[in-house]
C-alpha atoms as a PDB file:
ATOM      1  CA  MET A   1      -0.048   0.010   0.058  1.00  0.00           C
ATOM      2  CA  THR A   2       1.194   3.495  -0.671  1.00  0.00           C
ATOM      3  CA  GLU A   3       0.102   6.877   0.725  1.00  0.00           C
ATOM      4  CA  VAL A   4      -2.222   9.230  -1.199  1.00  0.00           C
ATOM      5  CA  TYR A   5      -1.922  13.016  -0.660  1.00  0.00           C
ATOM      6  CA  LEU A   6      -4.097  15.942  -1.503  1.00  0.00           C
ATOM      7  CA  HIS A   7      -2.081  19.105  -2.366  1.00  0.00           C
ATOM      8  CA  VAL A   8      -3.977  22.327  -2.049  1.00  0.00           C
ATOM      9  CA  TYR A   9      -3.057  25.475  -3.705  1.00  0.00           C
ATOM     10  CA  ASP A  10      -4.318  29.201  -3.611  1.00  0.00           C
ATOM     11  CA  ILE A  11      -4.944  30.527  -6.947  1.00  0.00           C
ATOM     12  CA  THR A  12      -2.147  32.957  -6.660  1.00  0.00           C
ATOM     13  CA  ARG A  13       1.656  32.766  -7.213  1.00  0.00           C
ATOM     14  CA  GLU A  14       4.447  33.605  -5.005  1.00  0.00           C
ATOM     15  CA  THR A  15       5.335  36.442  -7.291  1.00  0.00           C
ATOM     16  CA  ASP A  16       2.090  38.263  -6.517  1.00  0.00           C
ATOM     17  CA  ARG A  17       3.160  40.295  -3.711  1.00  0.00           C
ATOM     18  CA  SER A  18       0.285  42.755  -3.409  1.00  0.00           C
ATOM     19  CA  ASN A  19      -1.796  43.381  -0.344  1.00  0.00           C
ATOM     20  CA  ALA A  20      -4.793  41.957  -2.138  1.00  0.00           C
ATOM     21  CA  LYS A  21      -3.031  38.611  -2.477  1.00  0.00           C
ATOM     22  CA  ALA A  22      -2.515  38.477   1.270  1.00  0.00           C
ATOM     23  CA  VAL A  23      -6.153  39.104   1.833  1.00  0.00           C
ATOM     24  CA  LEU A  24      -7.186  36.548  -0.613  1.00  0.00           C
ATOM     25  CA  THR A  25      -4.936  34.053   1.125  1.00  0.00           C
ATOM     26  CA  SER A  26      -6.515  35.046   4.427  1.00  0.00           C
ATOM     27  CA  LEU A  27      -9.996  34.721   2.874  1.00  0.00           C
ATOM     28  CA  ASN A  28      -9.024  31.116   1.935  1.00  0.00           C
ATOM     29  CA  GLY A  29      -7.768  30.327   5.340  1.00  0.00           C
ATOM     30  CA  ALA A  30     -10.825  31.518   7.131  1.00  0.00           C
ATOM     31  CA  GLY A  31     -13.060  29.625   4.538  1.00  0.00           C
ATOM     32  CA  ARG A  32     -10.913  26.512   5.165  1.00  0.00           C
ATOM     33  CA  TRP A  33     -11.317  26.606   8.925  1.00  0.00           C
ATOM     34  CA  THR A  34     -14.966  27.788   9.100  1.00  0.00           C
ATOM     35  CA  GLY A  35     -15.981  25.278   6.461  1.00  0.00           C
ATOM     36  CA  LEU A  36     -17.406  28.015   4.227  1.00  0.00           C
ATOM     37  CA  GLY A  37     -14.923  27.098   1.540  1.00  0.00           C
ATOM     38  CA  GLY A  38     -12.177  29.013  -0.398  1.00  0.00           C
ATOM     39  CA  ILE A  39     -10.987  29.602  -3.860  1.00  0.00           C
ATOM     40  CA  PHE A  40      -8.682  26.606  -4.028  1.00  0.00           C
ATOM     41  CA  HIS A  41      -7.009  24.383  -6.617  1.00  0.00           C
ATOM     42  CA  GLY A  42      -6.413  20.710  -5.749  1.00  0.00           C
ATOM     43  CA  GLY A  43      -4.270  17.963  -7.078  1.00  0.00           C
ATOM     44  CA  ILE A  44      -3.945  14.262  -5.911  1.00  0.00           C
ATOM     45  CA  GLU A  45      -0.465  12.775  -5.431  1.00  0.00           C
ATOM     46  CA  VAL A  46      -0.063   8.942  -5.760  1.00  0.00           C
ATOM     47  CA  PHE A  47       3.266   7.136  -6.438  1.00  0.00           C
ATOM     48  CA  ASP A  48       5.135  10.467  -6.636  1.00  0.00           C
ATOM     49  CA  VAL A  49       2.931  12.024  -9.374  1.00  0.00           C
ATOM     50  CA  GLU A  50       0.398  14.785  -8.907  1.00  0.00           C
ATOM     51  CA  TRP A  51      -2.824  14.564 -10.995  1.00  0.00           C
ATOM     52  CA  SER A  52      -5.356  17.252 -11.705  1.00  0.00           C
ATOM     53  CA  TYR A  53      -7.882  18.561 -14.345  1.00  0.00           C
ATOM     54  CA  GLY A  54      -8.432  21.636 -16.376  1.00  0.00           C
ATOM     55  CA  TYR A  55     -10.148  23.044 -19.432  1.00  0.00           C
ATOM     56  CA  MET A  56      -8.958  22.221 -23.093  1.00  0.00           C
ATOM     57  CA  GLU A  57     -10.593  24.019 -25.932  1.00  0.00           C
ATOM     58  CA  SER A  58      -9.365  21.432 -28.415  1.00  0.00           C
ATOM     59  CA  PRO A  59     -10.550  17.785 -28.143  1.00  0.00           C
ATOM     60  CA  GLY A  60      -8.654  15.652 -25.657  1.00  0.00           C
ATOM     61  CA  THR A  61      -8.347  14.995 -22.003  1.00  0.00           C
ATOM     62  CA  GLY A  62      -8.267  17.618 -19.388  1.00  0.00           C
ATOM     63  CA  VAL A  63      -6.220  15.354 -17.010  1.00  0.00           C
ATOM     64  CA  TYR A  64      -2.682  16.303 -16.568  1.00  0.00           C
ATOM     65  CA  SER A  65       0.223  15.673 -14.161  1.00  0.00           C
ATOM     66  CA  CYS A  66       3.007  17.614 -12.568  1.00  0.00           C
ATOM     67  CA  ARG A  67       5.560  17.217  -9.886  1.00  0.00           C
ATOM     68  CA  PRO A  68       4.082  17.105  -6.332  1.00  0.00           C
ATOM     69  CA  LYS A  69       3.428  20.524  -4.753  1.00  0.00           C
ATOM     70  CA  ASP A  70       4.769  22.209  -7.874  1.00  0.00           C
ATOM     71  CA  ASN A  71       1.874  23.302 -10.092  1.00  0.00           C
ATOM     72  CA  PRO A  72       3.335  26.394 -11.793  1.00  0.00           C
ATOM     73  CA  MET A  73      -0.162  28.040 -12.021  1.00  0.00           C
ATOM     74  CA  TYR A  74      -0.745  28.356  -8.263  1.00  0.00           C
ATOM     75  CA  THR A  75       0.740  28.926  -4.855  1.00  0.00           C
ATOM     76  CA  PHE A  76       1.205  25.804  -2.777  1.00  0.00           C
ATOM     77  CA  ARG A  77      -0.808  25.983   0.486  1.00  0.00           C
ATOM     78  CA  GLU A  78      -0.870  22.670   2.239  1.00  0.00           C
ATOM     79  CA  THR A  79      -0.817  18.897   2.047  1.00  0.00           C
ATOM     80  CA  ARG A  80      -3.297  16.439   3.552  1.00  0.00           C
ATOM     81  CA  SER A  81      -2.589  12.840   3.884  1.00  0.00           C
ATOM     82  CA  LEU A  82      -5.687  10.911   2.675  1.00  0.00           C
ATOM     83  CA  GLY A  83      -4.733   7.457   3.840  1.00  0.00           C
ATOM     84  CA  LYS A  84      -3.264   4.608   1.753  1.00  0.00           C
ATOM     85  CA  THR A  85      -4.473   3.147  -1.492  1.00  0.00           C
ATOM     86  CA  ARG A  86      -4.396  -0.764  -1.892  1.00  0.00           C
ATOM     87  CA  LEU A  87      -3.880  -0.287  -5.741  1.00  0.00           C
ATOM     88  CA  SER A  88      -0.608  -1.195  -7.264  1.00  0.00           C
ATOM     89  CA  PRO A  89       1.220   1.093  -9.620  1.00  0.00           C
ATOM     90  CA  THR A  90      -0.214  -0.750 -12.526  1.00  0.00           C
ATOM     91  CA  GLU A  91      -3.730  -0.486 -11.249  1.00  0.00           C
ATOM     92  CA  VAL A  92      -3.299   3.205 -10.506  1.00  0.00           C
ATOM     93  CA  LYS A  93      -2.359   3.616 -14.221  1.00  0.00           C
ATOM     94  CA  VAL A  94      -5.425   1.874 -15.458  1.00  0.00           C
ATOM     95  CA  VAL A  95      -7.464   4.282 -13.199  1.00  0.00           C
ATOM     96  CA  ILE A  96      -5.723   7.345 -14.717  1.00  0.00           C
ATOM     97  CA  ARG A  97      -6.167   6.082 -18.245  1.00  0.00           C
ATOM     98  CA  ARG A  98      -9.911   5.497 -17.657  1.00  0.00           C
ATOM     99  CA  LEU A  99     -10.287   8.946 -15.923  1.00  0.00           C
ATOM    100  CA  GLN A 100      -8.377  10.610 -18.893  1.00  0.00           C
ATOM    101  CA  GLY A 101     -11.104   9.373 -21.172  1.00  0.00           C
ATOM    102  CA  GLN A 102     -13.954  10.281 -18.992  1.00  0.00           C
ATOM    103  CA  TRP A 103     -12.729  13.730 -18.017  1.00  0.00           C
ATOM    104  CA  GLN A 104     -12.432  15.651 -21.343  1.00  0.00           C
ATOM    105  CA  GLY A 105     -11.016  19.093 -21.107  1.00  0.00           C
ATOM    106  CA  SER A 106     -13.990  20.574 -22.969  1.00  0.00           C
ATOM    107  CA  ASP A 107     -16.373  19.306 -20.388  1.00  0.00           C
ATOM    108  CA  TYR A 108     -14.936  21.423 -17.617  1.00  0.00           C
ATOM    109  CA  THR A 109     -17.453  23.803 -15.773  1.00  0.00           C
ATOM    110  CA  LEU A 110     -16.837  26.057 -12.921  1.00  0.00           C
ATOM    111  CA  VAL A 111     -19.800  24.742 -10.766  1.00  0.00           C
ATOM    112  CA  LYS A 112     -20.359  21.035 -11.761  1.00  0.00           C
ATOM    113  CA  ARG A 113     -17.085  19.677 -12.991  1.00  0.00           C
ATOM    114  CA  ASN A 114     -13.800  21.458 -11.955  1.00  0.00           C
ATOM    115  CA  CYS A 115     -10.434  20.418 -10.823  1.00  0.00           C
ATOM    116  CA  ASN A 116     -11.641  19.619  -7.240  1.00  0.00           C
ATOM    117  CA  HIS A 117     -14.545  17.374  -8.524  1.00  0.00           C
ATOM    118  CA  PHE A 118     -11.773  15.421 -10.323  1.00  0.00           C
ATOM    119  CA  CYS A 119      -9.817  15.130  -7.151  1.00  0.00           C
ATOM    120  CA  GLU A 120     -12.921  13.840  -5.393  1.00  0.00           C
ATOM    121  CA  GLU A 121     -13.389  11.132  -8.058  1.00  0.00           C
ATOM    122  CA  LEU A 122      -9.856  10.096  -8.225  1.00  0.00           C
ATOM    123  CA  ALA A 123      -9.540   9.767  -4.465  1.00  0.00           C
ATOM    124  CA  ARG A 124     -12.834   7.718  -4.445  1.00  0.00           C
ATOM    125  CA  GLN A 125     -11.287   5.289  -6.945  1.00  0.00           C
ATOM    126  CA  LEU A 126      -8.119   4.997  -4.932  1.00  0.00           C
ATOM    127  CA  GLY A 127     -10.199   4.231  -1.874  1.00  0.00           C
ATOM    128  CA  VAL A 128      -9.698   7.407   0.074  1.00  0.00           C
ATOM    129  CA  GLU A 129     -11.683  10.731   0.603  1.00  0.00           C
ATOM    130  CA  VAL A 130     -10.958  14.354   0.233  1.00  0.00           C
ATOM    131  CA  PRO A 131     -11.977  16.760   3.065  1.00  0.00           C
ATOM    132  CA  GLY A 132     -15.399  18.487   2.326  1.00  0.00           C
ATOM    133  CA  TRP A 133     -14.100  22.162   2.600  1.00  0.00           C
ATOM    134  CA  LEU A 134     -12.002  21.605  -0.658  1.00  0.00           C
ATOM    135  CA  ASN A 135     -14.873  22.204  -3.043  1.00  0.00           C
ATOM    136  CA  ARG A 136     -17.471  23.990  -1.009  1.00  0.00           C
ATOM    137  CA  LEU A 137     -17.330  27.018  -3.134  1.00  0.00           C
ATOM    138  CA  ALA A 138     -19.047  24.990  -5.960  1.00  0.00           C
ATOM    139  CA  LEU A 139     -21.612  23.412  -3.598  1.00  0.00           C
ATOM    140  CA  GLY A 140     -24.957  25.336  -3.689  1.00  0.00           C
ATOM    141  CA  ALA A 141     -23.835  27.528  -6.594  1.00  0.00           C
ATOM    142  CA  ASP A 142     -26.670  26.315  -8.862  1.00  0.00           C
ATOM    143  CA  VAL A 143     -28.641  29.261  -7.464  1.00  0.00           C
ATOM    144  CA  VAL A 144     -26.438  31.585  -9.382  1.00  0.00           C
ATOM    145  CA  SER A 145     -25.249  29.383 -12.274  1.00  0.00           C
ATOM    146  CA  THR A 146     -28.062  30.489 -14.709  1.00  0.00           C
ATOM    147  CA  LEU A 147     -26.859  34.042 -14.327  1.00  0.00           C
ATOM    148  CA  THR A 148     -23.128  33.300 -14.511  1.00  0.00           C
ATOM    149  CA  ASN A 149     -22.888  31.472 -17.819  1.00  0.00           C
ATOM    150  CA  GLN A 150     -20.196  33.803 -19.216  1.00  0.00           C
ATOM    151  CA  ALA A 151     -18.259  33.700 -15.944  1.00  0.00           C
ATOM    152  CA  THR A 152     -18.223  29.821 -16.394  1.00  0.00           C
ATOM    153  CA  GLU A 153     -16.979  30.141 -19.913  1.00  0.00           C
ATOM    154  CA  ASN A 154     -14.172  32.522 -18.531  1.00  0.00           C
ATOM    155  CA  ALA A 155     -13.161  30.072 -15.980  1.00  0.00           C
ATOM    156  CA  ARG A 156     -13.160  27.293 -18.534  1.00  0.00           C
ATOM    157  CA  TRP A 157     -10.557  29.254 -20.479  1.00  0.00           C
ATOM    158  CA  LEU A 158      -8.532  30.149 -17.488  1.00  0.00           C
ATOM    159  CA  SER A 159      -8.238  26.530 -16.330  1.00  0.00           C
ATOM    160  CA  ALA A 160      -6.978  25.851 -19.741  1.00  0.00           C
ATOM    161  CA  GLY A 161      -3.415  27.373 -19.017  1.00  0.00           C
ATOM    162  CA  LEU A 162      -1.665  24.527 -17.466  1.00  0.00           C
ATOM    163  CA  SER A 163      -3.374  21.816 -19.366  1.00  0.00           C
ATOM    164  CA  ALA A 164      -2.755  23.495 -22.699  1.00  0.00           C
ATOM    165  CA  ILE A 165       1.014  23.995 -21.764  1.00  0.00           C
ATOM    166  CA  ILE A 166       1.229  20.259 -20.756  1.00  0.00           C
ATOM    167  CA  HIS A 167      -0.356  19.160 -24.138  1.00  0.00           C
ATOM    168  CA  ALA A 168       1.215  21.738 -26.452  1.00  0.00           C
ATOM    169  CA  GLN A 169       4.698  20.205 -26.746  1.00  0.00           C
ATOM    170  CA  ALA A 170       5.415  22.175 -29.979  1.00  0.00           C
ATOM    171  CA  LEU A 171       5.371  25.506 -28.132  1.00  0.00           C
ATOM    172  CA  ASP A 172       8.767  26.995 -27.253  1.00  0.00           C
ATOM    173  CA  THR A 173       9.586  28.119 -23.667  1.00  0.00           C
ATOM    174  CA  ARG A 174       8.730  31.613 -24.168  1.00  0.00           C
ATOM    175  CA  GLN A 175       5.348  30.775 -25.664  1.00  0.00           C
ATOM    176  CA  ARG A 176       4.652  28.482 -22.660  1.00  0.00           C
ATOM    177  CA  GLN A 177       5.669  31.217 -20.316  1.00  0.00           C
ATOM    178  CA  ASP A 178       3.331  33.639 -22.041  1.00  0.00           C
ATOM    179  CA  LEU A 179       0.562  31.339 -21.935  1.00  0.00           C
ATOM    180  CA  VAL A 180       0.985  30.694 -18.187  1.00  0.00           C
ATOM    181  CA  ARG A 181       1.209  34.351 -17.471  1.00  0.00           C
ATOM    182  CA  GLU A 182      -1.858  35.254 -19.447  1.00  0.00           C
ATOM    183  CA  ALA A 183      -4.011  32.493 -17.993  1.00  0.00           C
ATOM    184  CA  ARG A 184      -2.779  33.297 -14.484  1.00  0.00           C
ATOM    185  CA  ASN A 185      -3.386  37.077 -14.783  1.00  0.00           C
ATOM    186  CA  MET A 186      -6.936  36.597 -16.042  1.00  0.00           C
ATOM    187  CA  GLN A 187      -7.615  34.081 -13.226  1.00  0.00           C
ATOM    188  CA  MET A 188      -6.392  36.427 -10.610  1.00  0.00           C
ATOM    189  CA  ASP A 189      -8.187  39.620 -11.490  1.00  0.00           C
ATOM    190  CA  ALA A 190     -11.651  38.746 -10.272  1.00  0.00           C
ATOM    191  CA  THR A 191     -10.437  37.161  -6.930  1.00  0.00           C
ATOM    192  CA  LYS A 192      -7.955  39.795  -6.199  1.00  0.00           C
ATOM    193  CA  LEU A 193     -10.570  42.418  -6.704  1.00  0.00           C
ATOM    194  CA  LEU A 194     -13.114  40.770  -4.450  1.00  0.00           C
ATOM    195  CA  ALA A 195     -10.360  40.575  -1.624  1.00  0.00           C
ATOM    196  CA  LEU A 196      -9.503  44.191  -2.202  1.00  0.00           C
ATOM    197  CA  LEU A 197     -13.089  45.412  -1.975  1.00  0.00           C
ATOM    198  CA  LEU A 198     -13.785  43.249   1.147  1.00  0.00           C
ATOM    199  CA  GLU A 199     -10.648  44.850   2.775  1.00  0.00           C
ATOM    200  CA  ALA A 200     -11.440  48.408   1.708  1.00  0.00           C
ATOM    201  CA  PRO A 201     -12.729  50.918   4.396  1.00  0.00           C
ATOM    202  CA  ASN A 202     -14.959  52.348   1.675  1.00  0.00           C
ATOM    203  CA  ALA A 203     -16.216  49.724  -0.774  1.00  0.00           C
ATOM    204  CA  GLN A 204     -17.990  52.187  -2.876  1.00  0.00           C
ATOM    205  CA  ARG A 205     -14.984  54.406  -3.505  1.00  0.00           C
ATOM    206  CA  ALA A 206     -12.859  51.174  -4.194  1.00  0.00           C
ATOM    207  CA  ALA A 207     -15.349  49.813  -6.672  1.00  0.00           C
ATOM    208  CA  GLU A 208     -15.511  53.304  -8.502  1.00  0.00           C
ATOM    209  CA  GLU A 209     -11.577  53.116  -8.682  1.00  0.00           C
ATOM    210  CA  HIS A 210     -11.782  49.596 -10.183  1.00  0.00           C
ATOM    211  CA  VAL A 211     -14.891  49.773 -12.207  1.00  0.00           C
ATOM    212  CA  GLY A 212     -13.239  48.593 -15.354  1.00  0.00           C
ATOM    213  CA  SER A 213     -12.331  45.384 -13.623  1.00  0.00           C
ATOM    214  CA  LEU A 214     -15.818  44.546 -12.424  1.00  0.00           C
ATOM    215  CA  THR A 215     -16.329  41.652 -14.850  1.00  0.00           C
ATOM    216  CA  GLU A 216     -18.925  38.954 -14.862  1.00  0.00           C
ATOM    217  CA  GLN A 217     -16.495  36.591 -13.410  1.00  0.00           C
ATOM    218  CA  PHE A 218     -16.105  38.920 -10.424  1.00  0.00           C
ATOM    219  CA  PHE A 219     -19.944  38.970  -9.847  1.00  0.00           C
ATOM    220  CA  ALA A 220     -20.097  35.291 -10.236  1.00  0.00           C
ATOM    221  CA  ILE A 221     -17.393  34.638  -7.522  1.00  0.00           C
ATOM    222  CA  ALA A 222     -18.900  37.153  -5.267  1.00  0.00           C
ATOM    223  CA  SER A 223     -22.355  35.887  -5.640  1.00  0.00           C
ATOM    224  CA  THR A 224     -21.358  32.289  -5.083  1.00  0.00           C
ATOM    225  CA  TYR A 225     -19.687  33.344  -1.750  1.00  0.00           C
ATOM    226  CA  LEU A 226     -22.671  35.313  -0.712  1.00  0.00           C
ATOM    227  CA  THR A 227     -24.929  32.191  -1.305  1.00  0.00           C
ATOM    228  CA  MET A 228     -22.689  29.963   0.722  1.00  0.00           C
ATOM    229  CA  ALA A 229     -22.491  32.476   3.481  1.00  0.00           C
ATOM    230  CA  LYS A 230     -26.165  32.665   3.710  1.00  0.00           C
ATOM    231  CA  LYS A 231     -26.376  28.916   3.768  1.00  0.00           C
ATOM    232  CA  GLU A 232     -23.897  28.878   6.679  1.00  0.00           C
ATOM    233  CA  GLY A 233     -25.901  31.614   8.553  1.00  0.00           C
ATOM    234  CA  ASP A 234     -22.855  33.988   8.856  1.00  0.00           C
ATOM    235  CA  ALA A 235     -24.494  37.266   9.274  1.00  0.00           C
ATOM    236  CA  GLU A 236     -21.297  39.272   9.391  1.00  0.00           C
ATOM    237  CA  VAL A 237     -19.946  37.813   6.171  1.00  0.00           C
ATOM    238  CA  VAL A 238     -23.348  38.064   4.474  1.00  0.00           C
ATOM    239  CA  THR A 239     -23.622  41.913   5.404  1.00  0.00           C
ATOM    240  CA  ARG A 240     -19.968  42.518   4.154  1.00  0.00           C
ATOM    241  CA  LEU A 241     -20.525  40.683   0.783  1.00  0.00           C
ATOM    242  CA  GLU A 242     -24.009  42.239   0.163  1.00  0.00           C
ATOM    243  CA  ALA A 243     -22.302  45.659   0.812  1.00  0.00           C
ATOM    244  CA  VAL A 244     -19.424  44.950  -1.619  1.00  0.00           C
ATOM    245  CA  LEU A 245     -21.803  43.585  -4.230  1.00  0.00           C
ATOM    246  CA  LYS A 246     -24.204  46.541  -3.961  1.00  0.00           C
ATOM    247  CA  ALA A 247     -21.325  48.979  -4.273  1.00  0.00           C
ATOM    248  CA  ALA A 248     -19.866  47.059  -7.404  1.00  0.00           C
ATOM    249  CA  MET A 249     -23.246  46.804  -8.995  1.00  0.00           C
ATOM    250  CA  ASP A 250     -23.913  50.596  -8.451  1.00  0.00           C
ATOM    251  CA  GLU A 251     -20.600  51.624 -10.031  1.00  0.00           C
ATOM    252  CA  LYS A 252     -20.904  49.102 -12.913  1.00  0.00           C
ATOM    253  CA  GLN A 253     -24.458  50.405 -13.636  1.00  0.00           C
ATOM    254  CA  LYS A 254     -23.105  53.810 -14.344  1.00  0.00           C
ATOM    255  CA  MET A 255     -20.894  52.442 -17.054  1.00  0.00           C
ATOM    256  CA  LEU A 256     -23.538  50.558 -18.984  1.00  0.00           C
ATOM    257  CA  ARG A 257     -25.606  51.675 -21.945  1.00  0.00           C
ATOM    258  CA  PRO A 258     -29.167  52.874 -21.089  1.00  0.00           C
ATOM    259  CA  GLU A 259     -30.941  49.827 -22.420  1.00  0.00           C
ATOM    260  CA  ILE A 260     -28.773  47.577 -20.161  1.00  0.00           C
ATOM    261  CA  GLN A 261     -29.278  49.676 -17.267  1.00  0.00           C
ATOM    262  CA  LEU A 262     -33.073  49.506 -17.828  1.00  0.00           C
ATOM    263  CA  LEU A 263     -33.009  45.642 -18.142  1.00  0.00           C
ATOM    264  CA  ASN A 264     -31.103  45.408 -14.966  1.00  0.00           C
ATOM    265  CA  ARG A 265     -33.582  47.614 -13.136  1.00  0.00           C
ATOM    266  CA  LEU A 266     -36.399  45.572 -14.400  1.00  0.00           C
ATOM    267  CA  LEU A 267     -34.845  42.244 -13.245  1.00  0.00           C
ATOM    268  CA  ALA A 268     -34.020  43.719  -9.904  1.00  0.00           C
ATOM    269  CA  VAL A 269     -37.747  44.083  -8.949  1.00  0.00           C
ATOM    270  CA  GLU A 270     -40.207  41.361  -8.175  1.00  0.00           C
ATOM    271  CA  THR A 271     -43.802  42.402  -9.143  1.00  0.00           C
ATOM    272  CA  SER A 272     -45.516  43.596 -12.211  1.00  0.00           C
ATOM    273  CA  ALA A 273     -46.290  46.843 -10.379  1.00  0.00           C
ATOM    274  CA  GLU A 274     -42.774  47.556  -9.655  1.00  0.00           C
ATOM    275  CA  ARG A 275     -41.725  46.894 -13.208  1.00  0.00           C
ATOM    276  CA  LYS A 276     -44.368  49.177 -14.509  1.00  0.00           C
ATOM    277  CA  GLN A 277     -43.138  51.910 -12.058  1.00  0.00           C
ATOM    278  CA  VAL A 278     -39.609  51.496 -13.552  1.00  0.00           C
ATOM    279  CA  LEU A 279     -40.979  51.602 -17.071  1.00  0.00           C
ATOM    280  CA  ASN A 280     -43.055  54.778 -16.428  1.00  0.00           C
ATOM    281  CA  SER A 281     -39.976  56.940 -16.127  1.00  0.00           C
ATOM    282  CA  ALA A 282     -38.829  59.311 -18.934  1.00  0.00           C
ATOM    283  CA  ALA A 283     -35.478  57.599 -19.037  1.00  0.00           C
ATOM    284  CA  ALA A 284     -37.053  54.246 -19.507  1.00  0.00           C
ATOM    285  CA  GLY A 285     -39.203  55.563 -22.265  1.00  0.00           C
ATOM    286  CA  ASP A 286     -36.000  56.890 -24.132  1.00  0.00           C
ATOM    287  CA  ALA A 287     -34.229  53.695 -23.636  1.00  0.00           C
ATOM    288  CA  LEU A 288     -36.974  51.466 -25.112  1.00  0.00           C
ATOM    289  CA  GLN A 289     -36.880  53.473 -28.351  1.00  0.00           C
ATOM    290  CA  MET A 290     -33.261  54.312 -28.910  1.00  0.00           C
ATOM    291  CA  ASN A 291     -30.924  52.422 -31.313  1.00  0.00           C
ATOM    292  CA  GLU A 292     -33.598  50.674 -33.319  1.00  0.00           C
ATOM    293  CA  GLY A 293     -35.118  48.757 -30.477  1.00  0.00           C
ATOM    294  CA  TYR A 294     -31.783  47.402 -28.999  1.00  0.00           C
ATOM    295  CA  PHE A 295     -33.492  46.848 -25.690  1.00  0.00           C
ATOM    296  CA  PHE A 296     -35.760  44.266 -27.223  1.00  0.00           C
ATOM    297  CA  ARG A 297     -33.071  42.522 -29.153  1.00  0.00           C
ATOM    298  CA  LEU A 298     -31.088  42.386 -25.929  1.00  0.00           C
ATOM    299  CA  LEU A 299     -33.991  40.996 -23.994  1.00  0.00           C
ATOM    300  CA  GLU A 300     -34.642  38.456 -26.764  1.00  0.00           C
ATOM    301  CA  HIS A 301     -30.992  37.206 -26.774  1.00  0.00           C
ATOM    302  CA  MET A 302     -30.956  36.801 -23.000  1.00  0.00           C
ATOM    303  CA  THR A 303     -34.216  34.924 -22.953  1.00  0.00           C
ATOM    304  CA  VAL A 304     -32.759  32.495 -25.655  1.00  0.00           C
ATOM    305  CA  ASP A 305     -29.569  32.103 -23.590  1.00  0.00           C
ATOM    306  CA  VAL A 306     -31.305  31.320 -20.425  1.00  0.00           C
ATOM    307  CA  LYS A 307     -33.615  28.723 -22.172  1.00  0.00           C
ATOM    308  CA  ARG A 308     -30.562  27.048 -23.457  1.00  0.00           C
ATOM    309  CA  GLN A 309     -29.093  26.439 -20.024  1.00  0.00           C
ATOM    310  CA  PRO A 310     -29.484  23.140 -18.088  1.00  0.00           C
ATOM    311  CA  GLU A 311     -32.571  22.754 -16.003  1.00  0.00           C
ATOM    312  CA  ASN A 312     -32.242  24.281 -12.464  1.00  0.00           C
ATOM    313  CA  ALA A 313     -34.537  25.778  -9.724  1.00  0.00           C
ATOM    314  CA  GLY A 314     -33.837  29.331 -10.979  1.00  0.00           C
ATOM    315  CA  LYS A 315     -34.320  28.847 -14.649  1.00  0.00           C
ATOM    316  CA  ALA A 316     -38.170  28.798 -15.031  1.00  0.00           C
ATOM    317  CA  PRO A 317     -38.659  31.923 -12.848  1.00  0.00           C
ATOM    318  CA  LEU A 318     -36.025  33.842 -14.702  1.00  0.00           C
ATOM    319  CA  VAL A 319     -37.551  32.945 -18.098  1.00  0.00           C
ATOM    320  CA  ALA A 320     -41.006  34.010 -16.829  1.00  0.00           C
ATOM    321  CA  ARG A 321     -39.715  37.237 -15.552  1.00  0.00           C
ATOM    322  CA  LEU A 322     -37.876  38.015 -18.769  1.00  0.00           C
ATOM    323  CA  GLU A 323     -41.079  37.318 -20.782  1.00  0.00           C
ATOM    324  CA  ALA A 324     -43.166  39.542 -18.401  1.00  0.00           C
ATOM    325  CA  CYS A 325     -40.461  42.313 -19.028  1.00  0.00           C
ATOM    326  CA  LYS A 326     -41.003  42.120 -22.685  1.00  0.00           C
ATOM    327  CA  ILE A 327     -44.777  42.224 -22.502  1.00  0.00           C
ATOM    328  CA  GLU A 328     -44.839  45.207 -20.041  1.00  0.00           C
ATOM    329  CA  ALA A 329     -42.043  47.001 -22.069  1.00  0.00           C
ATOM    330  CA  LEU A 330     -44.078  46.671 -25.256  1.00  0.00           C
ATOM    331  CA  GLU A 331     -47.122  48.241 -23.466  1.00  0.00           C
ATOM    332  CA  ARG A 332     -44.967  51.234 -22.650  1.00  0.00           C
ATOM    333  CA  LEU A 333     -44.064  51.902 -26.239  1.00  0.00           C
ATOM    334  CA  PRO A 334     -46.187  54.445 -28.279  1.00  0.00           C
ATOM    335  CA  PRO A 335     -48.905  52.759 -30.454  1.00  0.00           C
ATOM    336  CA  THR A 336     -47.082  53.467 -33.572  1.00  0.00           C
ATOM    337  CA  GLN A 337     -43.984  51.611 -32.456  1.00  0.00           C
ATOM    338  CA  LYS A 338     -45.503  48.452 -30.737  1.00  0.00           C
ATOM    339  CA  ALA A 339     -45.163  46.230 -33.750  1.00  0.00           C
ATOM    340  CA  ALA A 340     -41.638  47.284 -34.558  1.00  0.00           C
ATOM    341  CA  PRO A 341     -39.599  45.310 -32.069  1.00  0.00           C
END
């Protein structure tokens, strides 16, 4: 029998010396010990090889290996012994080959099938078990997954960094380094910004200063943490995250074109009466008519995108709300324009 280890990484590198990196590392530490979960990467070591999983745009497995505790995309945090496997080296190779076929890189998703889900499955097949806090960030995230499809696509690409480098043997050293740097920098942006806003004495001012970095991935990560904090009943964390999200949304809203601002306001209210109140403003009337009915094209595209998503508890209510927004917005148009959209 041989020992099996879980190696846990923060999604930072040692070269990232900013204060936000320290805050993020602290955030992961708090999540680790409270059970809320952090923003971690995991790898399983067995017979002196570390195995993990990431996104690959081209056809092929997303399973890759590296030296134990030395994944070049992340900062090593800690090792956990998971116990011993009864499998021989040959039997482990059979397991890895089977998983390489089952875990295709193009199947990667942030919530349902990420590197830590792979660790759970590999550990299970080795006869051991990973600790529950490793992947708590993904648990319960179905609540927001419908609204974070683009963020998931971003995360797929980010996770491609190391896998692509492992598989792209034709790339020279500089190209590989550039690929690592680009993937790592994109992956860091959203999580660094969340840590920075949580630390800032004035979240509104900090959000204003970094409004250009308030991406969909940022909102996905922040929303998922908020969902988990509510499940855990941590009122202090919920209050802080809600304040950060409100500040970020307020600042982001100022940068959006009027049609998108209007759609966001309509989706933020619950009842038909509230939506009609939003639509009755002069600004809403202008937004509905400008740019050859762009508001209605935007609304239609969003409805189609949501309908294409996998079934979950939030999908049907969101589709119903989008369709109600269209009906009520059409009623707000002057009679001569109602047929145009």
